[in-house]
């Protein structure tokens, strides 16, 4: 994840996205509002160059054919 200059909070959110957690679940786990989680998710998408959670997970876990 460091290749995309994600903040420490963005890395935490991304890790939970990779686990398949919903925005509400991530918000509860990190003591954030769901709106804040959505903002972090949008920032992560922009930095990684993806448009959805499935592609983000593929890119961050290095799945074949997942080039951003």
N, C-alpha and C. Protein backbone atom coordinates (compact mmCIF):
# COMPACT_ATOMS: atom_id res chain seq x y z
N UNK A 1 0.79 -1.21 0.00
CA UNK A 1 0.00 0.00 0.00
C UNK A 1 0.84 1.28 0.00
N UNK A 2 2.08 1.25 0.48
CA UNK A 2 2.86 2.49 0.48
C UNK A 2 3.09 3.07 -0.91
N UNK A 3 3.02 2.26 -1.94
CA UNK A 3 3.26 2.74 -3.30
C UNK A 3 2.26 3.81 -3.72
N UNK A 4 1.11 3.85 -3.07
CA UNK A 4 0.08 4.82 -3.44
C UNK A 4 0.01 5.99 -2.47
N UNK A 5 0.94 6.10 -1.55
CA UNK A 5 0.98 7.19 -0.57
C UNK A 5 -0.30 7.30 0.25
N UNK A 6 -0.84 6.16 0.67
CA UNK A 6 -2.02 6.17 1.51
C UNK A 6 -1.62 6.60 2.92
N UNK A 7 -2.49 7.37 3.56
CA UNK A 7 -2.26 7.74 4.95
C UNK A 7 -2.44 6.51 5.82
N UNK A 8 -2.04 6.61 7.07
CA UNK A 8 -2.21 5.47 7.97
C UNK A 8 -3.69 5.12 8.12
N UNK A 9 -4.57 6.11 8.21
CA UNK A 9 -6.01 5.84 8.33
C UNK A 9 -6.54 5.21 7.05
N UNK A 10 -6.09 5.69 5.89
CA UNK A 10 -6.51 5.10 4.62
C UNK A 10 -6.06 3.65 4.52
N UNK A 11 -4.87 3.35 5.04
CA UNK A 11 -4.39 1.96 5.04
C UNK A 11 -5.28 1.09 5.92
N UNK A 12 -5.71 1.62 7.06
CA UNK A 12 -6.61 0.88 7.94
C UNK A 12 -7.94 0.60 7.25
N UNK A 13 -8.48 1.63 6.61
CA UNK A 13 -9.75 1.47 5.89
C UNK A 13 -9.58 0.47 4.74
N UNK A 14 -8.51 0.60 3.99
CA UNK A 14 -8.27 -0.30 2.86
C UNK A 14 -8.15 -1.75 3.33
N UNK A 15 -7.47 -1.97 4.44
CA UNK A 15 -7.33 -3.33 4.95
C UNK A 15 -8.68 -3.94 5.28
N UNK A 16 -9.58 -3.13 5.84
CA UNK A 16 -10.91 -3.64 6.18
C UNK A 16 -11.77 -3.83 4.92
N UNK A 17 -11.55 -3.01 3.91
CA UNK A 17 -12.24 -3.21 2.64
C UNK A 17 -11.81 -4.55 2.05
N UNK A 18 -10.52 -4.83 2.09
CA UNK A 18 -10.00 -6.10 1.58
C UNK A 18 -10.64 -7.28 2.30
N UNK A 19 -10.92 -7.11 3.59
CA UNK A 19 -11.59 -8.16 4.37
C UNK A 19 -13.06 -8.31 3.99
N UNK A 20 -13.58 -7.38 3.18
CA UNK A 20 -14.97 -7.46 2.76
C UNK A 20 -15.95 -6.75 3.69
N UNK A 21 -15.44 -5.91 4.57
CA UNK A 21 -16.30 -5.22 5.53
C UNK A 21 -17.06 -4.08 4.86
N UNK A 22 -18.26 -3.82 5.32
CA UNK A 22 -19.08 -2.72 4.81
C UNK A 22 -18.60 -1.40 5.41
N UNK A 23 -19.05 -0.29 4.84
CA UNK A 23 -18.70 1.03 5.38
C UNK A 23 -19.17 1.17 6.82
N UNK A 24 -20.36 0.67 7.11
CA UNK A 24 -20.87 0.75 8.48
C UNK A 24 -20.01 -0.08 9.44
N UNK A 25 -19.59 -1.26 9.01
CA UNK A 25 -18.72 -2.10 9.84
C UNK A 25 -17.37 -1.44 10.07
N UNK A 26 -16.83 -0.85 9.01
CA UNK A 26 -15.54 -0.17 9.12
C UNK A 26 -15.66 1.02 10.07
N UNK A 27 -16.74 1.78 9.93
CA UNK A 27 -16.97 2.93 10.80
C UNK A 27 -17.00 2.50 12.27
N UNK A 28 -17.72 1.43 12.56
CA UNK A 28 -17.81 0.95 13.94
C UNK A 28 -16.45 0.47 14.45
N UNK A 29 -15.71 -0.24 13.60
CA UNK A 29 -14.41 -0.79 14.01
C UNK A 29 -13.39 0.31 14.29
N UNK A 30 -13.46 1.41 13.52
CA UNK A 30 -12.46 2.47 13.64
C UNK A 30 -12.98 3.69 14.39
N UNK A 31 -14.20 3.59 14.93
CA UNK A 31 -14.81 4.70 15.66
C UNK A 31 -14.90 5.97 14.81
N UNK A 32 -15.39 5.79 13.59
CA UNK A 32 -15.60 6.88 12.64
C UNK A 32 -17.06 6.91 12.23
N UNK A 33 -17.47 8.00 11.59
CA UNK A 33 -18.82 8.02 11.03
C UNK A 33 -18.78 7.32 9.67
N UNK A 34 -19.89 6.74 9.23
CA UNK A 34 -19.93 6.13 7.90
C UNK A 34 -19.57 7.14 6.80
N UNK A 35 -19.94 8.39 7.00
CA UNK A 35 -19.60 9.43 6.01
C UNK A 35 -18.08 9.58 5.90
N UNK A 36 -17.39 9.58 7.02
CA UNK A 36 -15.93 9.69 7.01
C UNK A 36 -15.31 8.48 6.32
N UNK A 37 -15.86 7.31 6.55
CA UNK A 37 -15.36 6.11 5.87
C UNK A 37 -15.54 6.26 4.36
N UNK A 38 -16.69 6.75 3.94
CA UNK A 38 -16.92 6.97 2.50
C UNK A 38 -15.92 7.97 1.93
N UNK A 39 -15.61 9.03 2.68
CA UNK A 39 -14.61 10.00 2.22
C UNK A 39 -13.24 9.35 2.08
N UNK A 40 -12.84 8.55 3.06
CA UNK A 40 -11.56 7.85 2.97
C UNK A 40 -11.56 6.89 1.78
N UNK A 41 -12.67 6.20 1.58
CA UNK A 41 -12.77 5.25 0.47
C UNK A 41 -12.60 5.96 -0.86
N UNK A 42 -13.25 7.10 -1.03
CA UNK A 42 -13.11 7.88 -2.27
C UNK A 42 -11.67 8.32 -2.48
N UNK A 43 -11.02 8.75 -1.41
CA UNK A 43 -9.62 9.17 -1.51
C UNK A 43 -8.73 7.99 -1.92
N UNK A 44 -8.99 6.83 -1.33
CA UNK A 44 -8.22 5.63 -1.67
C UNK A 44 -8.43 5.27 -3.13
N UNK A 45 -9.68 5.27 -3.58
CA UNK A 45 -9.97 4.97 -4.99
C UNK A 45 -9.17 5.91 -5.90
N UNK A 46 -9.18 7.20 -5.57
CA UNK A 46 -8.46 8.17 -6.39
C UNK A 46 -6.97 7.92 -6.43
N UNK A 47 -6.38 7.62 -5.29
CA UNK A 47 -4.94 7.40 -5.23
C UNK A 47 -4.53 6.11 -5.94
N UNK A 48 -5.36 5.08 -5.83
CA UNK A 48 -5.02 3.79 -6.43
C UNK A 48 -5.45 3.74 -7.89
N UNK A 49 -6.42 4.57 -8.26
CA UNK A 49 -6.87 4.61 -9.66
C UNK A 49 -7.91 3.56 -9.98
N UNK A 50 -8.82 3.31 -9.04
CA UNK A 50 -9.89 2.34 -9.25
C UNK A 50 -11.23 3.01 -9.01
N UNK A 51 -12.32 2.29 -9.33
CA UNK A 51 -13.65 2.87 -9.19
C UNK A 51 -14.59 2.05 -8.32
N UNK A 52 -14.11 0.90 -7.82
CA UNK A 52 -14.98 0.10 -6.95
C UNK A 52 -14.13 -0.75 -6.01
N UNK A 53 -14.80 -1.29 -4.99
CA UNK A 53 -14.12 -2.07 -3.97
C UNK A 53 -13.50 -3.35 -4.52
N UNK A 54 -14.19 -3.97 -5.44
CA UNK A 54 -13.67 -5.23 -6.01
C UNK A 54 -12.33 -4.99 -6.71
N UNK A 55 -12.26 -3.94 -7.53
CA UNK A 55 -11.02 -3.64 -8.23
C UNK A 55 -9.94 -3.20 -7.24
N UNK A 56 -10.32 -2.41 -6.24
CA UNK A 56 -9.36 -2.00 -5.21
C UNK A 56 -8.74 -3.22 -4.54
N UNK A 57 -9.58 -4.16 -4.15
CA UNK A 57 -9.10 -5.38 -3.50
C UNK A 57 -8.16 -6.14 -4.42
N UNK A 58 -8.52 -6.24 -5.69
CA UNK A 58 -7.67 -6.95 -6.65
C UNK A 58 -6.31 -6.28 -6.78
N UNK A 59 -6.30 -4.97 -6.89
CA UNK A 59 -5.03 -4.24 -7.05
C UNK A 59 -4.18 -4.35 -5.80
N UNK A 60 -4.78 -4.11 -4.64
CA UNK A 60 -4.01 -4.10 -3.40
C UNK A 60 -3.51 -5.48 -2.98
N UNK A 61 -4.18 -6.53 -3.42
CA UNK A 61 -3.73 -7.87 -3.07
C UNK A 61 -2.89 -8.49 -4.18
N UNK A 62 -2.68 -7.74 -5.28
CA UNK A 62 -1.82 -8.21 -6.35
C UNK A 62 -2.40 -9.33 -7.18
N UNK A 63 -3.71 -9.36 -7.30
CA UNK A 63 -4.33 -10.40 -8.13
C UNK A 63 -3.98 -10.17 -9.59
N UNK A 64 -3.76 -11.24 -10.34
CA UNK A 64 -3.39 -11.11 -11.75
C UNK A 64 -4.45 -10.34 -12.54
N UNK A 65 -3.98 -9.51 -13.46
CA UNK A 65 -4.89 -8.76 -14.33
C UNK A 65 -5.55 -7.59 -13.64
N UNK A 66 -5.01 -7.17 -12.50
CA UNK A 66 -5.64 -6.11 -11.73
C UNK A 66 -4.92 -4.77 -11.86
N UNK A 67 -4.13 -4.61 -12.91
CA UNK A 67 -3.36 -3.38 -13.04
C UNK A 67 -4.25 -2.17 -12.95
N UNK A 68 -3.82 -1.21 -12.14
CA UNK A 68 -4.59 0.02 -11.96
C UNK A 68 -4.38 0.97 -13.10
